[in-house]
């Protein structure tokens, strides 16, 4: 019986493949996509501010509320932070990834892999809380700044409205710092993988044609490794866009999209507005993924 079934499936490979794909596709389609559509459908429901009750009366008021100045400011604040974190992560990650790919020996490379991935083994919550202590006044970072006699410069920087806050732990700068630290490994590894795939013959050909190392880096290495930067930015951008824990623990009281969804759904009970807010990162990430695809980011994943 089993041999006959095996022979039957072997002769019909498409049927065998379909049987393998049905369970995960059902899970993805029913559980994930279905629950997402159910959530978005609730964004058309009506929330009564007086009774705090949600009724299935369909309305577009929740989407109109997204364009209120306060809500629009939340979207811009979150988008700006996601872009800034992605750019900073790329700038910090590229030299590390370049050294790993081009200069590190086997033992050094193993050390770097462990060093890059080690923070990912720790709890996300623990790392976020640890940074609240590091950035607090009287913490180790302030101690280093005092030893370097940079307190005046830091205070001047904290007075900039875009940075905002009395201390690092209550400023956008501190929040940006933590985001960059936590998502940095997600940028290093794709860039390192893209650099590893560069054919050495291209670099040798560039040198044989008389190009200086700087010209080789700018005209050969950087363009060919750029898809790795784009691939890493997919993670840093999307993870920053939907995060709600770091904005609550670090920085000023300004809400992000993730924390706004959490507050509306958990504290206030306004599920329709929370559901409408979830559409914002979906649209932003969809646009970003389309741009990333055009730039070759998917090929470097």
Protein backbone atom coordinates (compact mmCIF):
# COMPACT_ATOMS: atom_id res chain seq x y z
CA UNK A 1 0.00 0.00 0.00
CA UNK A 2 2.71 2.51 0.99
CA UNK A 3 4.85 1.49 -1.98
CA UNK A 4 1.92 2.00 -4.36
CA UNK A 5 1.21 5.41 -2.81
CA UNK A 6 4.87 6.38 -3.08
CA UNK A 7 4.99 5.35 -6.72
CA UNK A 8 1.76 7.24 -7.43
CA UNK A 9 3.13 10.45 -5.87
CA UNK A 10 6.49 9.99 -7.56
CA UNK A 11 4.83 9.90 -10.97
CA UNK A 12 2.76 12.98 -10.11
CA UNK A 13 5.32 15.37 -8.68
CA UNK A 14 2.98 18.38 -8.98
CA UNK A 15 0.40 16.68 -6.78
CA UNK A 16 3.09 15.77 -4.26
CA UNK A 17 4.30 19.38 -4.19
CA UNK A 18 0.72 20.61 -3.74
CA UNK A 19 0.19 18.27 -0.78
CA UNK A 20 3.35 19.62 0.84
CA UNK A 21 2.33 23.24 0.31
CA UNK A 22 -1.32 23.00 1.38
CA UNK A 23 -0.72 22.99 5.20
CA UNK A 24 1.60 26.05 5.33
CA UNK A 25 -0.52 27.89 2.74
CA UNK A 26 -3.66 27.23 4.78
CA UNK A 27 -1.91 28.45 7.90
CA UNK A 28 -0.64 31.56 6.15
CA UNK A 29 -3.89 32.25 4.34
CA UNK A 30 -6.42 31.54 7.08
CA UNK A 31 -4.54 32.41 10.26
CA UNK A 32 -2.32 35.28 9.14
CA UNK A 33 -4.01 36.87 6.12
CA UNK A 34 -7.48 36.11 7.48
CA UNK A 35 -6.81 37.68 10.87
CA UNK A 36 -5.20 40.69 9.16
CA UNK A 37 -8.24 41.25 6.96
CA UNK A 38 -10.51 40.81 9.99
CA UNK A 39 -8.52 43.50 11.78
CA UNK A 40 -8.65 45.88 8.83
CA UNK A 41 -12.38 45.28 8.48
CA UNK A 42 -12.83 46.49 12.06
CA UNK A 43 -11.17 49.76 11.05
CA UNK A 44 -14.49 50.66 9.39
CA UNK A 45 -16.44 50.17 12.64
CA UNK A 46 -17.70 53.05 14.74
CA UNK A 47 -16.36 53.93 18.18
CA UNK A 48 -18.63 55.90 20.54
CA UNK A 49 -16.51 58.31 22.58
CA UNK A 50 -19.26 58.65 25.20
CA UNK A 51 -20.13 55.01 25.87
CA UNK A 52 -16.67 53.67 24.83
CA UNK A 53 -18.49 51.02 22.78
CA UNK A 54 -17.64 49.69 19.33
CA UNK A 55 -20.54 49.18 16.92
CA UNK A 56 -20.45 47.51 13.46
CA UNK A 57 -21.74 50.66 11.76
CA UNK A 58 -19.40 51.15 8.81
CA UNK A 59 -17.69 54.53 8.49
CA UNK A 60 -14.57 56.17 7.04
CA UNK A 61 -14.15 58.45 10.06
CA UNK A 62 -11.22 56.41 11.42
CA UNK A 63 -9.24 56.89 8.22
CA UNK A 64 -10.09 60.58 8.14
CA UNK A 65 -8.76 60.79 11.70
CA UNK A 66 -5.35 59.62 10.47
CA UNK A 67 -4.95 62.97 8.73
CA UNK A 68 -5.58 64.99 11.88
CA UNK A 69 -2.48 67.05 12.72
CA UNK A 70 -1.70 65.03 15.86
CA UNK A 71 -2.04 61.64 14.15
CA UNK A 72 -0.25 62.83 11.01
CA UNK A 73 2.63 63.99 13.22
CA UNK A 74 2.87 60.48 14.71
CA UNK A 75 3.18 58.96 11.23
CA UNK A 76 5.87 61.46 10.18
CA UNK A 77 7.78 60.99 13.46
CA UNK A 78 7.80 57.22 13.04
CA UNK A 79 8.75 57.38 9.36
CA UNK A 80 11.57 59.83 10.06
CA UNK A 81 12.97 57.63 12.81
CA UNK A 82 12.79 54.51 10.60
CA UNK A 83 14.69 56.25 7.79
CA UNK A 84 17.28 57.73 10.19
CA UNK A 85 17.90 54.37 11.88
CA UNK A 86 18.29 52.64 8.51
CA UNK A 87 20.82 55.22 7.30
CA UNK A 88 22.81 55.15 10.55
CA UNK A 89 22.81 51.36 10.63
CA UNK A 90 24.14 51.23 7.06
CA UNK A 91 26.94 53.70 7.85
CA UNK A 92 27.97 51.76 10.97
CA UNK A 93 27.51 48.30 9.47
CA UNK A 94 29.40 48.72 6.21
CA UNK A 95 32.96 49.03 7.66
CA UNK A 96 32.36 46.04 9.96
CA UNK A 97 30.90 43.93 7.15
CA UNK A 98 33.68 45.01 4.77
CA UNK A 99 36.39 43.95 7.20
CA UNK A 100 34.64 40.63 7.85
CA UNK A 101 34.35 39.88 4.14
CA UNK A 102 37.67 41.18 2.79
CA UNK A 103 40.27 41.01 5.56
CA UNK A 104 39.18 38.73 8.41
CA UNK A 105 40.64 35.23 8.55
CA UNK A 106 38.56 32.19 9.48
CA UNK A 107 39.06 32.62 13.24
CA UNK A 108 38.49 36.37 13.12
CA UNK A 109 35.39 35.87 11.00
CA UNK A 110 33.99 33.37 13.50
CA UNK A 111 34.66 35.87 16.29
CA UNK A 112 32.86 38.63 14.39
CA UNK A 113 29.89 36.38 13.64
CA UNK A 114 29.55 35.58 17.33
CA UNK A 115 30.04 39.24 18.33
CA UNK A 116 27.39 40.39 15.85
CA UNK A 117 24.85 37.73 16.74
CA UNK A 118 25.46 37.62 20.50
CA UNK A 119 23.21 40.64 21.26
CA UNK A 120 20.41 38.89 19.36
CA UNK A 121 20.52 36.01 21.85
CA UNK A 122 19.60 38.31 24.73
CA UNK A 123 16.02 39.24 25.48
CA UNK A 124 14.77 42.29 23.60
CA UNK A 125 13.07 43.63 26.73
CA UNK A 126 16.24 43.18 28.79
CA UNK A 127 18.29 45.13 26.24
CA UNK A 128 15.74 47.94 26.11
CA UNK A 129 15.63 48.26 29.90
CA UNK A 130 19.42 48.06 30.09
CA UNK A 131 19.66 51.05 27.77
CA UNK A 132 17.38 53.08 30.04
CA UNK A 133 20.03 52.66 32.74
CA UNK A 134 22.94 53.33 30.38
CA UNK A 135 21.37 56.55 29.04
CA UNK A 136 20.11 57.83 32.40
CA UNK A 137 21.78 60.79 34.05
CA UNK A 138 24.46 59.33 36.26
CA UNK A 139 24.77 56.28 34.01
CA UNK A 140 27.91 54.97 32.35
CA UNK A 141 27.40 56.96 29.15
CA UNK A 142 27.18 60.25 31.03
CA UNK A 143 30.30 59.23 32.96
CA UNK A 144 32.19 58.74 29.67
CA UNK A 145 30.90 62.06 28.33
CA UNK A 146 32.05 63.86 31.48
CA UNK A 147 35.50 62.27 31.24
CA UNK A 148 35.77 63.46 27.63
CA UNK A 149 34.58 66.96 28.66
CA UNK A 150 31.69 66.84 26.19
CA UNK A 151 28.86 67.73 28.59
CA UNK A 152 28.50 71.23 27.13
CA UNK A 153 28.27 69.89 23.61
CA UNK A 154 25.69 67.30 24.67
CA UNK A 155 23.54 69.91 26.43
CA UNK A 156 23.71 72.09 23.31
CA UNK A 157 22.67 69.15 21.17
CA UNK A 158 19.76 68.27 23.44
CA UNK A 159 18.35 71.78 23.00
CA UNK A 160 17.74 71.13 19.28
CA UNK A 161 13.97 70.56 18.81
CA UNK A 162 14.47 67.52 16.58
CA UNK A 163 16.61 65.90 19.29
CA UNK A 164 14.42 67.06 22.17
CA UNK A 165 14.72 66.12 25.83
CA UNK A 166 16.54 67.03 29.04
CA UNK A 167 18.69 63.87 29.12
CA UNK A 168 19.65 61.15 26.68
CA UNK A 169 17.08 58.79 28.17
CA UNK A 170 14.30 61.32 27.53
CA UNK A 171 15.34 62.47 24.06
CA UNK A 172 14.85 61.38 20.48
CA UNK A 173 18.63 61.05 20.28
CA UNK A 174 18.63 58.36 22.97
CA UNK A 175 15.70 56.60 21.30
CA UNK A 176 17.52 56.70 17.96
CA UNK A 177 20.66 55.35 19.64
CA UNK A 178 18.80 52.34 21.07
CA UNK A 179 16.99 51.57 17.82
CA UNK A 180 20.30 51.62 15.93
CA UNK A 181 22.02 49.36 18.46
CA UNK A 182 19.25 46.76 18.52
CA UNK A 183 18.71 46.53 14.74
CA UNK A 184 22.39 46.88 13.69
CA UNK A 185 23.02 43.09 13.37
CA UNK A 186 20.18 42.89 10.85
CA UNK A 187 22.15 45.32 8.65
CA UNK A 188 25.63 43.85 9.11
CA UNK A 189 24.83 40.30 8.01
CA UNK A 190 23.16 41.09 4.62
CA UNK A 191 25.94 43.53 3.71
CA UNK A 192 28.60 40.98 4.69
CA UNK A 193 26.87 38.32 2.59
CA UNK A 194 26.72 40.68 -0.41
CA UNK A 195 30.41 41.50 -0.06
CA UNK A 196 31.28 37.80 0.19
CA UNK A 197 29.62 37.21 -3.18
CA UNK A 198 31.78 39.77 -4.99
CA UNK A 199 34.00 37.92 -7.53
CA UNK A 200 37.70 38.57 -6.73
CA UNK A 201 38.33 38.67 -10.49
CA UNK A 202 36.44 41.98 -10.72
CA UNK A 203 38.70 43.58 -8.14
CA UNK A 204 41.77 42.20 -9.88
CA UNK A 205 40.51 43.49 -13.22
CA UNK A 206 39.94 46.93 -11.71
CA UNK A 207 43.51 46.98 -10.38
CA UNK A 208 44.90 45.75 -13.72
CA UNK A 209 43.13 48.60 -15.49
CA UNK A 210 44.93 51.10 -13.27
CA UNK A 211 42.19 51.96 -10.80
CA UNK A 212 43.25 53.15 -7.36
CA UNK A 213 41.81 51.29 -4.33
CA UNK A 214 39.52 54.26 -3.71
CA UNK A 215 38.21 54.12 -7.29
CA UNK A 216 37.70 50.36 -7.01
CA UNK A 217 35.73 50.82 -3.82
CA UNK A 218 33.52 53.62 -5.16
CA UNK A 219 32.94 52.28 -8.68
CA UNK A 220 33.02 48.49 -8.16
CA UNK A 221 32.59 47.37 -4.55
CA UNK A 222 30.00 49.91 -3.40
CA UNK A 223 27.57 49.52 -6.36
CA UNK A 224 27.74 45.72 -6.28
CA UNK A 225 27.25 45.54 -2.51
CA UNK A 226 24.45 48.12 -2.45
CA UNK A 227 21.72 45.46 -2.76
CA UNK A 228 22.98 44.09 0.57
CA UNK A 229 22.50 47.54 2.12
CA UNK A 230 18.97 47.66 0.71
CA UNK A 231 18.27 44.14 2.03
CA UNK A 232 19.43 45.11 5.50
CA UNK A 233 17.39 48.30 5.41
CA UNK A 234 14.23 46.23 4.86
CA UNK A 235 14.71 44.82 8.37
CA UNK A 236 15.79 48.04 10.09
CA UNK A 237 13.05 50.10 8.43
CA UNK A 238 10.17 47.70 9.06
CA UNK A 239 11.23 46.77 12.61
CA UNK A 240 11.56 50.43 13.63
CA UNK A 241 8.28 51.29 11.96
CA UNK A 242 6.27 48.78 14.00
CA UNK A 243 8.09 48.88 17.33
CA UNK A 244 6.15 50.07 20.37
CA UNK A 245 8.35 49.07 23.33
CA UNK A 246 11.36 51.35 22.81
CA UNK A 247 9.20 54.47 22.24
CA UNK A 248 7.50 53.75 25.57
CA UNK A 249 10.70 53.14 27.55
CA UNK A 250 13.08 55.69 26.04
CA UNK A 251 12.65 59.19 24.74
CA UNK A 252 10.01 61.90 25.13
CA UNK A 253 6.30 61.18 25.40
CA UNK A 254 5.70 61.54 21.64
CA UNK A 255 3.85 58.50 20.33
CA UNK A 256 4.95 56.23 17.50
CA UNK A 257 2.64 54.19 15.26
CA UNK A 258 3.19 51.02 17.28
CA UNK A 259 2.63 52.70 20.64
CA UNK A 260 -0.42 54.53 19.24
CA UNK A 261 -1.98 51.20 18.24
CA UNK A 262 -1.17 49.81 21.68
CA UNK A 263 -2.68 52.79 23.49
CA UNK A 264 -5.83 52.96 21.37
CA UNK A 265 -6.50 49.24 21.57
CA UNK A 266 -5.36 48.50 25.12
CA UNK A 267 -5.87 51.61 27.21
CA UNK A 268 -8.76 53.34 25.44
CA UNK A 269 -10.44 50.42 23.71
CA UNK A 270 -10.78 52.26 20.42
CA UNK A 271 -10.17 49.20 18.28
CA UNK A 272 -11.39 50.78 15.00
CA UNK A 273 -8.84 53.62 15.18
CA UNK A 274 -6.10 51.18 16.22
CA UNK A 275 -6.98 48.99 13.24
CA UNK A 276 -6.88 52.01 10.92
CA UNK A 277 -3.41 52.89 12.24
CA UNK A 278 -2.18 49.37 11.40
CA UNK A 279 -2.83 50.11 7.74
CA UNK A 280 -0.22 52.89 7.79
CA UNK A 281 2.87 50.68 8.34
CA UNK A 282 1.43 48.10 5.92
CA UNK A 283 1.24 50.72 3.16
CA UNK A 284 4.63 52.23 4.02
CA UNK A 285 6.35 48.84 4.08
CA UNK A 286 4.66 47.81 0.82
CA UNK A 287 5.96 50.97 -0.86
CA UNK A 288 9.40 50.42 0.65
CA UNK A 289 9.50 46.79 -0.49
CA UNK A 290 8.61 47.82 -4.04
CA UNK A 291 11.52 50.30 -3.99
CA UNK A 292 13.82 47.69 -2.46
CA UNK A 293 12.89 45.20 -5.17
CA UNK A 294 13.79 47.69 -7.89
CA UNK A 295 17.16 48.29 -6.18
CA UNK A 296 17.92 44.56 -6.04
CA UNK A 297 17.40 44.14 -2.31
CA UNK A 298 15.53 40.86 -2.68
CA UNK A 299 18.44 39.31 -4.58
CA UNK A 300 20.72 39.90 -1.58
CA UNK A 301 18.43 38.26 0.99
